[in-house]
PDB file of N, CA and C in Angstrom:
ATOM      1  N   MET A   1      89.719  44.494  76.128  1.00  0.00           N
ATOM      2  CA  MET A   1      88.900  45.449  75.459  1.00  0.00           C
ATOM      3  C   MET A   1      88.968  46.376  74.780  1.00  0.00           C
ATOM      4  N   ASN A   2      88.308  46.538  73.793  1.00  0.00           N
ATOM      5  CA  ASN A   2      88.784  47.370  72.634  1.00  0.00           C
ATOM      6  C   ASN A   2      88.121  49.141  73.171  1.00  0.00           C
ATOM      7  N   ILE A   3      88.435  50.158  72.279  1.00  0.00           N
ATOM      8  CA  ILE A   3      88.009  51.500  72.689  1.00  0.00           C
ATOM      9  C   ILE A   3      86.444  51.544  72.673  1.00  0.00           C
ATOM     10  N   GLN A   4      85.881  50.985  71.706  1.00  0.00           N
ATOM     11  CA  GLN A   4      84.513  51.180  71.723  1.00  0.00           C
ATOM     12  C   GLN A   4      83.604  50.511  73.146  1.00  0.00           C
ATOM     13  N   GLN A   5      84.259  49.275  73.302  1.00  0.00           N
ATOM     14  CA  GLN A   5      83.807  48.902  74.680  1.00  0.00           C
ATOM     15  C   GLN A   5      84.113  49.377  75.586  1.00  0.00           C
ATOM     16  N   ARG A   6      85.272  49.895  76.054  1.00  0.00           N
ATOM     17  CA  ARG A   6      85.723  51.051  77.041  1.00  0.00           C
ATOM     18  C   ARG A   6      84.471  52.224  77.172  1.00  0.00           C
ATOM     19  N   ILE A   7      84.210  52.844  75.806  1.00  0.00           N
ATOM     20  CA  ILE A   7      83.522  54.075  76.036  1.00  0.00           C
ATOM     21  C   ILE A   7      82.037  53.424  76.318  1.00  0.00           C
ATOM     22  N   TYR A   8      81.612  52.535  75.579  1.00  0.00           N
ATOM     23  CA  TYR A   8      80.068  52.097  76.291  1.00  0.00           C
ATOM     24  C   TYR A   8      79.865  51.524  77.810  1.00  0.00           C
ATOM     25  N   LYS A   9      81.055  50.896  78.166  1.00  0.00           N
ATOM     26  CA  LYS A   9      80.862  50.642  79.471  1.00  0.00           C
ATOM     27  C   LYS A   9      80.868  51.829  80.387  1.00  0.00           C
ATOM     28  N   LYS A  10      81.875  52.542  80.421  1.00  0.00           N
ATOM     29  CA  LYS A  10      81.922  53.944  80.973  1.00  0.00           C
ATOM     30  C   LYS A  10      80.611  54.660  80.984  1.00  0.00           C
ATOM     31  N   LEU A  11      80.191  54.679  79.826  1.00  0.00           N
ATOM     32  CA  LEU A  11      78.817  55.521  79.445  1.00  0.00           C
ATOM     33  C   LEU A  11      77.672  54.954  80.557  1.00  0.00           C
ATOM     34  N   LEU A  12      77.580  53.654  80.638  1.00  0.00           N
ATOM     35  CA  LEU A  12      76.598  52.973  81.416  1.00  0.00           C
ATOM     36  C   LEU A  12      76.573  53.311  82.754  1.00  0.00           C
ATOM     37  N   GLN A  13      77.885  54.103  83.517  1.00  0.00           N
ATOM     38  CA  GLN A  13      77.934  54.766  84.712  1.00  0.00           C
ATOM     39  C   GLN A  13      77.055  55.898  84.848  1.00  0.00           C
ATOM     40  N   VAL A  14      76.667  56.627  83.772  1.00  0.00           N
ATOM     41  CA  VAL A  14      75.829  57.817  83.794  1.00  0.00           C
ATOM     42  C   VAL A  14      74.547  57.568  84.137  1.00  0.00           C
ATOM     43  N   PRO A  15      73.958  58.170  85.158  1.00  0.00           N
ATOM     44  CA  PRO A  15      72.612  57.695  85.709  1.00  0.00           C
ATOM     45  C   PRO A  15      71.510  58.818  84.932  1.00  0.00           C
ATOM     46  N   LYS A  16      70.356  57.998  84.819  1.00  0.00           N
ATOM     47  CA  LYS A  16      69.287  58.602  84.282  1.00  0.00           C
ATOM     48  C   LYS A  16      69.216  60.218  85.075  1.00  0.00           C
ATOM     49  N   GLY A  17      68.575  61.037  84.287  1.00  0.00           N
ATOM     50  CA  GLY A  17      68.696  62.306  84.783  1.00  0.00           C
ATOM     51  C   GLY A  17      69.913  63.187  84.663  1.00  0.00           C
ATOM     52  N   GLN A  18      71.217  62.465  84.386  1.00  0.00           N
ATOM     53  CA  GLN A  18      72.401  63.197  84.430  1.00  0.00           C
ATOM     54  C   GLN A  18      72.832  63.052  83.111  1.00  0.00           C
ATOM     55  N   ILE A  19      73.791  63.746  82.626  1.00  0.00           N
ATOM     56  CA  ILE A  19      74.655  63.909  81.317  1.00  0.00           C
ATOM     57  C   ILE A  19      76.092  63.836  81.537  1.00  0.00           C
ATOM     58  N   THR A  20      76.784  63.711  80.512  1.00  0.00           N
ATOM     59  CA  THR A  20      78.217  64.006  80.614  1.00  0.00           C
ATOM     60  C   THR A  20      78.506  64.377  79.321  1.00  0.00           C
ATOM     61  N   THR A  21      79.951  64.802  78.965  1.00  0.00           N
ATOM     62  CA  THR A  21      80.065  65.461  77.641  1.00  0.00           C
ATOM     63  C   THR A  21      81.107  64.437  76.974  1.00  0.00           C
ATOM     64  N   TYR A  22      81.095  64.911  75.890  1.00  0.00           N
ATOM     65  CA  TYR A  22      81.997  63.776  74.892  1.00  0.00           C
ATOM     66  C   TYR A  22      83.348  63.880  75.148  1.00  0.00           C
ATOM     67  N   GLY A  23      83.743  65.247  75.815  1.00  0.00           N
ATOM     68  CA  GLY A  23      85.114  65.446  76.245  1.00  0.00           C
ATOM     69  C   GLY A  23      85.309  64.817  77.616  1.00  0.00           C
ATOM     70  N   GLU A  24      84.723  64.826  78.446  1.00  0.00           N
ATOM     71  CA  GLU A  24      84.732  63.884  79.772  1.00  0.00           C
ATOM     72  C   GLU A  24      84.870  62.264  79.637  1.00  0.00           C
ATOM     73  N   LEU A  25      84.105  62.345  78.654  1.00  0.00           N
ATOM     74  CA  LEU A  25      83.840  60.412  78.330  1.00  0.00           C
ATOM     75  C   LEU A  25      85.320  60.145  77.873  1.00  0.00           C
ATOM     76  N   ALA A  26      85.687  60.937  76.757  1.00  0.00           N
ATOM     77  CA  ALA A  26      87.047  60.830  76.312  1.00  0.00           C
ATOM     78  C   ALA A  26      88.020  60.326  77.232  1.00  0.00           C
ATOM     79  N   LYS A  27      88.133  61.467  78.195  1.00  0.00           N
ATOM     80  CA  LYS A  27      89.263  61.619  79.326  1.00  0.00           C
ATOM     81  C   LYS A  27      89.030  60.396  80.281  1.00  0.00           C
ATOM     82  N   ALA A  28      87.732  60.199  80.286  1.00  0.00           N
ATOM     83  CA  ALA A  28      87.710  58.819  81.183  1.00  0.00           C
ATOM     84  C   ALA A  28      88.196  57.568  80.693  1.00  0.00           C
ATOM     85  N   VAL A  29      88.112  57.575  79.532  1.00  0.00           N
ATOM     86  CA  VAL A  29      88.786  56.246  78.850  1.00  0.00           C
ATOM     87  C   VAL A  29      90.158  56.394  78.226  1.00  0.00           C
ATOM     88  N   GLY A  30      90.928  57.669  78.762  1.00  0.00           N
ATOM     89  CA  GLY A  30      92.177  57.569  78.371  1.00  0.00           C
ATOM     90  C   GLY A  30      92.429  58.388  76.983  1.00  0.00           C
ATOM     91  N   LEU A  31      91.630  58.605  76.196  1.00  0.00           N
ATOM     92  CA  LEU A  31      91.620  59.269  74.957  1.00  0.00           C
ATOM     93  C   LEU A  31      91.795  61.014  74.989  1.00  0.00           C
ATOM     94  N   LYS A  32      92.998  61.579  74.879  1.00  0.00           N
ATOM     95  CA  LYS A  32      93.425  62.874  75.037  1.00  0.00           C
ATOM     96  C   LYS A  32      92.824  63.408  73.427  1.00  0.00           C
ATOM     97  N   ASN A  33      92.055  64.525  73.967  1.00  0.00           N
ATOM     98  CA  ASN A  33      91.339  65.443  72.904  1.00  0.00           C
ATOM     99  C   ASN A  33      90.428  64.598  72.004  1.00  0.00           C
ATOM    100  N   GLY A  34      89.992  63.561  72.765  1.00  0.00           N
ATOM    101  CA  GLY A  34      89.153  62.405  71.918  1.00  0.00           C
ATOM    102  C   GLY A  34      87.660  62.665  71.663  1.00  0.00           C
ATOM    103  N   GLN A  35      87.263  63.909  71.860  1.00  0.00           N
ATOM    104  CA  GLN A  35      85.858  64.187  71.740  1.00  0.00           C
ATOM    105  C   GLN A  35      85.166  63.892  70.527  1.00  0.00           C
ATOM    106  N   ARG A  36      85.978  63.996  69.537  1.00  0.00           N
ATOM    107  CA  ARG A  36      85.485  63.698  68.111  1.00  0.00           C
ATOM    108  C   ARG A  36      85.325  62.194  68.011  1.00  0.00           C
ATOM    109  N   ALA A  37      86.360  61.619  68.333  1.00  0.00           N
ATOM    110  CA  ALA A  37      86.322  60.182  68.048  1.00  0.00           C
ATOM    111  C   ALA A  37      85.305  59.548  69.009  1.00  0.00           C
ATOM    112  N   VAL A  38      84.939  59.995  70.132  1.00  0.00           N
ATOM    113  CA  VAL A  38      83.863  59.389  71.198  1.00  0.00           C
ATOM    114  C   VAL A  38      82.611  59.680  70.326  1.00  0.00           C
ATOM    115  N   GLY A  39      82.286  60.968  69.701  1.00  0.00           N
ATOM    116  CA  GLY A  39      81.052  61.230  68.779  1.00  0.00           C
ATOM    117  C   GLY A  39      80.910  60.297  67.879  1.00  0.00           C
ATOM    118  N   LYS A  40      81.893  60.069  67.117  1.00  0.00           N
ATOM    119  CA  LYS A  40      81.911  58.929  65.859  1.00  0.00           C
ATOM    120  C   LYS A  40      81.635  57.560  66.360  1.00  0.00           C
ATOM    121  N   ILE A  41      82.137  57.140  67.585  1.00  0.00           N
ATOM    122  CA  ILE A  41      81.922  55.718  68.246  1.00  0.00           C
ATOM    123  C   ILE A  41      80.314  55.647  68.563  1.00  0.00           C
ATOM    124  N   LEU A  42      79.955  56.831  69.202  1.00  0.00           N
ATOM    125  CA  LEU A  42      78.295  56.662  69.631  1.00  0.00           C
ATOM    126  C   LEU A  42      77.369  56.779  68.556  1.00  0.00           C
ATOM    127  N   ASN A  43      77.634  57.564  67.721  1.00  0.00           N
ATOM    128  CA  ASN A  43      77.029  57.781  66.385  1.00  0.00           C
ATOM    129  C   ASN A  43      76.703  56.029  65.783  1.00  0.00           C
ATOM    130  N   LYS A  44      77.606  55.084  65.995  1.00  0.00           N
ATOM    131  CA  LYS A  44      77.505  53.913  65.437  1.00  0.00           C
ATOM    132  C   LYS A  44      76.927  52.957  66.842  1.00  0.00           C
ATOM    133  N   ASN A  45      76.446  53.326  67.806  1.00  0.00           N
ATOM    134  CA  ASN A  45      75.994  52.665  68.998  1.00  0.00           C
ATOM    135  C   ASN A  45      75.312  51.615  68.678  1.00  0.00           C
ATOM    136  N   PRO A  46      75.557  50.132  68.547  1.00  0.00           N
ATOM    137  CA  PRO A  46      74.550  49.199  68.302  1.00  0.00           C
ATOM    138  C   PRO A  46      73.582  49.012  69.104  1.00  0.00           C
ATOM    139  N   TYR A  47      73.429  49.388  70.456  1.00  0.00           N
ATOM    140  CA  TYR A  47      72.540  49.150  71.444  1.00  0.00           C
ATOM    141  C   TYR A  47      71.914  50.584  72.199  1.00  0.00           C
ATOM    142  N   PRO A  48      71.285  51.509  71.239  1.00  0.00           N
ATOM    143  CA  PRO A  48      71.046  52.679  72.144  1.00  0.00           C
ATOM    144  C   PRO A  48      69.970  52.548  73.152  1.00  0.00           C
ATOM    145  N   VAL A  49      69.276  51.451  73.072  1.00  0.00           N
ATOM    146  CA  VAL A  49      68.623  51.399  74.209  1.00  0.00           C
ATOM    147  C   VAL A  49      69.139  50.908  75.673  1.00  0.00           C
ATOM    148  N   ILE A  50      69.943  50.438  75.275  1.00  0.00           N
ATOM    149  CA  ILE A  50      71.204  49.601  76.449  1.00  0.00           C
ATOM    150  C   ILE A  50      72.107  50.824  76.764  1.00  0.00           C
ATOM    151  N   ILE A  51      72.781  51.009  75.972  1.00  0.00           N
ATOM    152  CA  ILE A  51      73.893  52.025  76.032  1.00  0.00           C
ATOM    153  C   ILE A  51      73.452  53.591  75.806  1.00  0.00           C
ATOM    154  N   PRO A  52      73.284  54.419  76.988  1.00  0.00           N
ATOM    155  CA  PRO A  52      72.627  55.520  76.641  1.00  0.00           C
ATOM    156  C   PRO A  52      73.316  56.603  76.114  1.00  0.00           C
ATOM    157  N   CYS A  53      73.726  56.559  75.006  1.00  0.00           N
ATOM    158  CA  CYS A  53      74.267  57.569  74.178  1.00  0.00           C
ATOM    159  C   CYS A  53      73.712  59.098  74.082  1.00  0.00           C
ATOM    160  N   HIS A  54      72.402  58.986  74.479  1.00  0.00           N
ATOM    161  CA  HIS A  54      71.767  60.087  74.289  1.00  0.00           C
ATOM    162  C   HIS A  54      72.090  61.243  75.656  1.00  0.00           C
ATOM    163  N   ARG A  55      72.793  60.706  76.629  1.00  0.00           N
ATOM    164  CA  ARG A  55      73.387  61.459  77.886  1.00  0.00           C
ATOM    165  C   ARG A  55      74.635  62.037  77.744  1.00  0.00           C
ATOM    166  N   VAL A  56      74.940  61.988  76.277  1.00  0.00           N
ATOM    167  CA  VAL A  56      76.459  62.688  76.184  1.00  0.00           C
ATOM    168  C   VAL A  56      75.901  63.984  75.180  1.00  0.00           C
ATOM    169  N   VAL A  57      76.600  64.940  75.877  1.00  0.00           N
ATOM    170  CA  VAL A  57      76.457  66.357  75.025  1.00  0.00           C
ATOM    171  C   VAL A  57      77.716  67.078  75.241  1.00  0.00           C
ATOM    172  N   MET A  58      77.397  68.426  74.476  1.00  0.00           N
ATOM    173  CA  MET A  58      78.807  69.196  74.102  1.00  0.00           C
ATOM    174  C   MET A  58      78.931  69.740  75.412  1.00  0.00           C
ATOM    175  N   SER A  59      80.294  70.073  75.493  1.00  0.00           N
ATOM    176  CA  SER A  59      80.935  70.844  76.869  1.00  0.00           C
ATOM    177  C   SER A  59      80.184  72.146  76.978  1.00  0.00           C
ATOM    178  N   THR A  60      79.746  72.769  75.677  1.00  0.00           N
ATOM    179  CA  THR A  60      79.114  74.108  75.780  1.00  0.00           C
ATOM    180  C   THR A  60      77.616  73.842  76.309  1.00  0.00           C
ATOM    181  N   GLY A  61      77.068  72.833  76.657  1.00  0.00           N
ATOM    182  CA  GLY A  61      75.843  72.421  77.253  1.00  0.00           C
ATOM    183  C   GLY A  61      74.722  72.398  75.864  1.00  0.00           C
ATOM    184  N   LYS A  62      75.269  72.484  74.593  1.00  0.00           N
ATOM    185  CA  LYS A  62      74.445  72.011  73.507  1.00  0.00           C
ATOM    186  C   LYS A  62      74.177  70.675  73.511  1.00  0.00           C
ATOM    187  N   ILE A  63      73.009  70.108  72.906  1.00  0.00           N
ATOM    188  CA  ILE A  63      72.716  68.662  73.258  1.00  0.00           C
ATOM    189  C   ILE A  63      73.465  68.102  71.933  1.00  0.00           C
ATOM    190  N   GLY A  64      73.975  68.456  71.052  1.00  0.00           N
ATOM    191  CA  GLY A  64      74.804  67.821  70.155  1.00  0.00           C
ATOM    192  C   GLY A  64      74.159  66.892  69.450  1.00  0.00           C
ATOM    193  N   GLY A  65      74.598  66.354  68.483  1.00  0.00           N
ATOM    194  CA  GLY A  65      73.930  65.259  67.218  1.00  0.00           C
ATOM    195  C   GLY A  65      73.393  63.927  67.918  1.00  0.00           C
ATOM    196  N   TYR A  66      72.592  63.579  67.280  1.00  0.00           N
ATOM    197  CA  TYR A  66      72.275  61.966  67.817  1.00  0.00           C
ATOM    198  C   TYR A  66      71.684  61.408  66.559  1.00  0.00           C
ATOM    199  N   ALA A  67      72.029  60.225  66.135  1.00  0.00           N
ATOM    200  CA  ALA A  67      71.789  59.240  65.176  1.00  0.00           C
ATOM    201  C   ALA A  67      70.450  59.285  64.727  1.00  0.00           C
ATOM    202  N   TYR A  68      69.439  59.375  65.812  1.00  0.00           N
ATOM    203  CA  TYR A  68      67.845  59.348  65.355  1.00  0.00           C
ATOM    204  C   TYR A  68      67.432  60.887  65.533  1.00  0.00           C
ATOM    205  N   GLY A  69      68.310  61.852  65.213  1.00  0.00           N
ATOM    206  CA  GLY A  69      67.863  62.989  65.076  1.00  0.00           C
ATOM    207  C   GLY A  69      67.706  63.689  66.687  1.00  0.00           C
ATOM    208  N   GLU A  70      68.096  65.124  66.675  1.00  0.00           N
ATOM    209  CA  GLU A  70      68.370  65.784  68.003  1.00  0.00           C
ATOM    210  C   GLU A  70      66.893  66.147  68.662  1.00  0.00           C
ATOM    211  N   HIS A  71      65.860  65.932  67.929  1.00  0.00           N
ATOM    212  CA  HIS A  71      64.485  66.069  68.380  1.00  0.00           C
ATOM    213  C   HIS A  71      64.210  64.773  69.304  1.00  0.00           C
ATOM    214  N   VAL A  72      64.552  63.708  68.809  1.00  0.00           N
ATOM    215  CA  VAL A  72      64.715  62.681  69.677  1.00  0.00           C
ATOM    216  C   VAL A  72      65.493  62.447  70.824  1.00  0.00           C
ATOM    217  N   LYS A  73      66.836  62.902  70.508  1.00  0.00           N
ATOM    218  CA  LYS A  73      67.590  62.920  71.916  1.00  0.00           C
ATOM    219  C   LYS A  73      67.012  63.897  72.825  1.00  0.00           C
ATOM    220  N   THR A  74      66.410  65.157  72.476  1.00  0.00           N
ATOM    221  CA  THR A  74      65.585  66.251  73.438  1.00  0.00           C
ATOM    222  C   THR A  74      64.694  65.507  74.132  1.00  0.00           C
ATOM    223  N   LYS A  75      63.745  64.876  73.644  1.00  0.00           N
ATOM    224  CA  LYS A  75      62.618  64.179  74.080  1.00  0.00           C
ATOM    225  C   LYS A  75      63.151  63.281  75.179  1.00  0.00           C
ATOM    226  N   MET A  76      64.107  62.336  74.856  1.00  0.00           N
ATOM    227  CA  MET A  76      64.592  61.332  75.707  1.00  0.00           C
ATOM    228  C   MET A  76      65.173  62.016  76.788  1.00  0.00           C
ATOM    229  N   LEU A  77      65.896  62.986  76.786  1.00  0.00           N
ATOM    230  CA  LEU A  77      66.624  63.649  77.771  1.00  0.00           C
ATOM    231  C   LEU A  77      65.439  64.464  78.862  1.00  0.00           C
ATOM    232  N   ASN A  78      64.149  65.006  78.319  1.00  0.00           N
ATOM    233  CA  ASN A  78      63.348  65.715  78.890  1.00  0.00           C
ATOM    234  C   ASN A  78      62.462  64.575  79.684  1.00  0.00           C
ATOM    235  N   ASN A  79      62.561  63.223  79.144  1.00  0.00           N
ATOM    236  CA  ASN A  79      61.538  62.292  79.664  1.00  0.00           C
ATOM    237  C   ASN A  79      62.439  61.891  80.894  1.00  0.00           C
ATOM    238  N   GLU A  80      63.880  62.207  81.120  1.00  0.00           N
ATOM    239  CA  GLU A  80      64.812  61.602  82.227  1.00  0.00           C
ATOM    240  C   GLU A  80      64.762  62.926  83.275  1.00  0.00           C
ATOM    241  N   GLY A  81      63.921  64.083  83.134  1.00  0.00           N
ATOM    242  CA  GLY A  81      64.161  65.033  83.873  1.00  0.00           C
ATOM    243  C   GLY A  81      64.976  66.206  83.558  1.00  0.00           C
ATOM    244  N   VAL A  82      65.767  65.986  82.562  1.00  0.00           N
ATOM    245  CA  VAL A  82      66.675  66.858  82.259  1.00  0.00           C
ATOM    246  C   VAL A  82      65.922  68.219  81.060  1.00  0.00           C
ATOM    247  N   GLU A  83      66.100  69.268  81.758  1.00  0.00           N
ATOM    248  CA  GLU A  83      65.731  70.472  81.117  1.00  0.00           C
ATOM    249  C   GLU A  83      66.471  71.167  79.941  1.00  0.00           C
ATOM    250  N   ILE A  84      66.160  71.337  78.883  1.00  0.00           N
ATOM    251  CA  ILE A  84      66.457  71.836  77.491  1.00  0.00           C
ATOM    252  C   ILE A  84      65.845  73.141  77.225  1.00  0.00           C
ATOM    253  N   LYS A  85      66.313  74.031  76.994  1.00  0.00           N
ATOM    254  CA  LYS A  85      65.997  75.179  76.088  1.00  0.00           C
ATOM    255  C   LYS A  85      66.758  75.588  75.221  1.00  0.00           C
ATOM    256  N   ASN A  86      66.060  76.216  73.871  1.00  0.00           N
ATOM    257  CA  ASN A  86      66.945  76.591  72.620  1.00  0.00           C
ATOM    258  C   ASN A  86      67.959  75.242  72.201  1.00  0.00           C
ATOM    259  N   GLY A  87      67.842  74.067  72.554  1.00  0.00           N
ATOM    260  CA  GLY A  87      68.978  73.164  72.068  1.00  0.00           C
ATOM    261  C   GLY A  87      69.680  73.023  73.342  1.00  0.00           C
ATOM    262  N   LYS A  88      70.017  73.580  74.397  1.00  0.00           N
ATOM    263  CA  LYS A  88      70.740  73.886  75.522  1.00  0.00           C
ATOM    264  C   LYS A  88      70.358  73.182  76.782  1.00  0.00           C
ATOM    265  N   ILE A  89      71.422  72.408  77.353  1.00  0.00           N
ATOM    266  CA  ILE A  89      70.917  72.035  78.790  1.00  0.00           C
ATOM    267  C   ILE A  89      70.829  73.219  79.647  1.00  0.00           C
ATOM    268  N   LEU A  90      69.957  73.106  80.422  1.00  0.00           N
ATOM    269  CA  LEU A  90      69.729  74.236  81.496  1.00  0.00           C
ATOM    270  C   LEU A  90      70.364  73.723  82.824  1.00  0.00           C
ATOM    271  N   ASP A  91      71.123  74.479  83.645  1.00  0.00           N
ATOM    272  CA  ASP A  91      71.751  73.730  84.812  1.00  0.00           C
ATOM    273  C   ASP A  91      72.693  72.690  84.675  1.00  0.00           C
ATOM    274  N   LEU A  92      73.315  72.832  83.691  1.00  0.00           N
ATOM    275  CA  LEU A  92      74.490  71.918  83.316  1.00  0.00           C
ATOM    276  C   LEU A  92      75.349  71.622  84.313  1.00  0.00           C
ATOM    277  N   GLU A  93      75.873  72.454  85.038  1.00  0.00           N
ATOM    278  CA  GLU A  93      77.038  71.973  86.286  1.00  0.00           C
ATOM    279  C   GLU A  93      76.392  71.059  87.393  1.00  0.00           C
ATOM    280  N   ASN A  94      74.919  71.360  87.543  1.00  0.00           N
ATOM    281  CA  ASN A  94      74.647  70.527  88.382  1.00  0.00           C
ATOM    282  C   ASN A  94      73.935  68.976  88.061  1.00  0.00           C
ATOM    283  N   ILE A  95      73.800  68.769  86.878  1.00  0.00           N
ATOM    284  CA  ILE A  95      73.706  67.604  86.414  1.00  0.00           C
ATOM    285  C   ILE A  95      74.770  66.654  85.574  1.00  0.00           C
ATOM    286  N   ILE A  96      75.824  67.297  85.327  1.00  0.00           N
ATOM    287  CA  ILE A  96      76.896  66.726  84.578  1.00  0.00           C
ATOM    288  C   ILE A  96      77.447  65.609  85.582  1.00  0.00           C
ATOM    289  N   HIS A  97      77.768  64.811  84.905  1.00  0.00           N
ATOM    290  CA  HIS A  97      78.529  63.111  85.601  1.00  0.00           C
ATOM    291  C   HIS A  97      79.951  63.183  85.450  1.00  0.00           C
ATOM    292  N   ARG A  98      80.585  63.405  86.011  1.00  0.00           N
ATOM    293  CA  ARG A  98      82.110  63.459  85.901  1.00  0.00           C
ATOM    294  C   ARG A  98      82.687  62.111  86.574  1.00  0.00           C
ATOM    295  N   PHE A  99      83.610  61.437  85.890  1.00  0.00           N
ATOM    296  CA  PHE A  99      83.969  60.206  86.341  1.00  0.00           C
ATOM    297  C   PHE A  99      85.081  60.092  86.833  1.00  0.00           C
TER     298      PHE A  99
END
């Protein structure tokens, strides 16, 4: 299994209404300091409806980028019950998924 597949498979474990960070995801697949690599891989996610890359945010709580625009990512997260204000996740520590 290559690194992209490992990242996508791990990301499937993040339930609706929760988020994880690029760093947490990198650590979960064994990439030390691999948050940028994770971001690049997720940016090319061929299955955004199946692989929920919109659930990955920055460790600061900012929602981070999204191939279809941050406004789309915000709307998708809002629809799952994640509260966002000024581009930042509210109550981050209570909704973060750690592997």
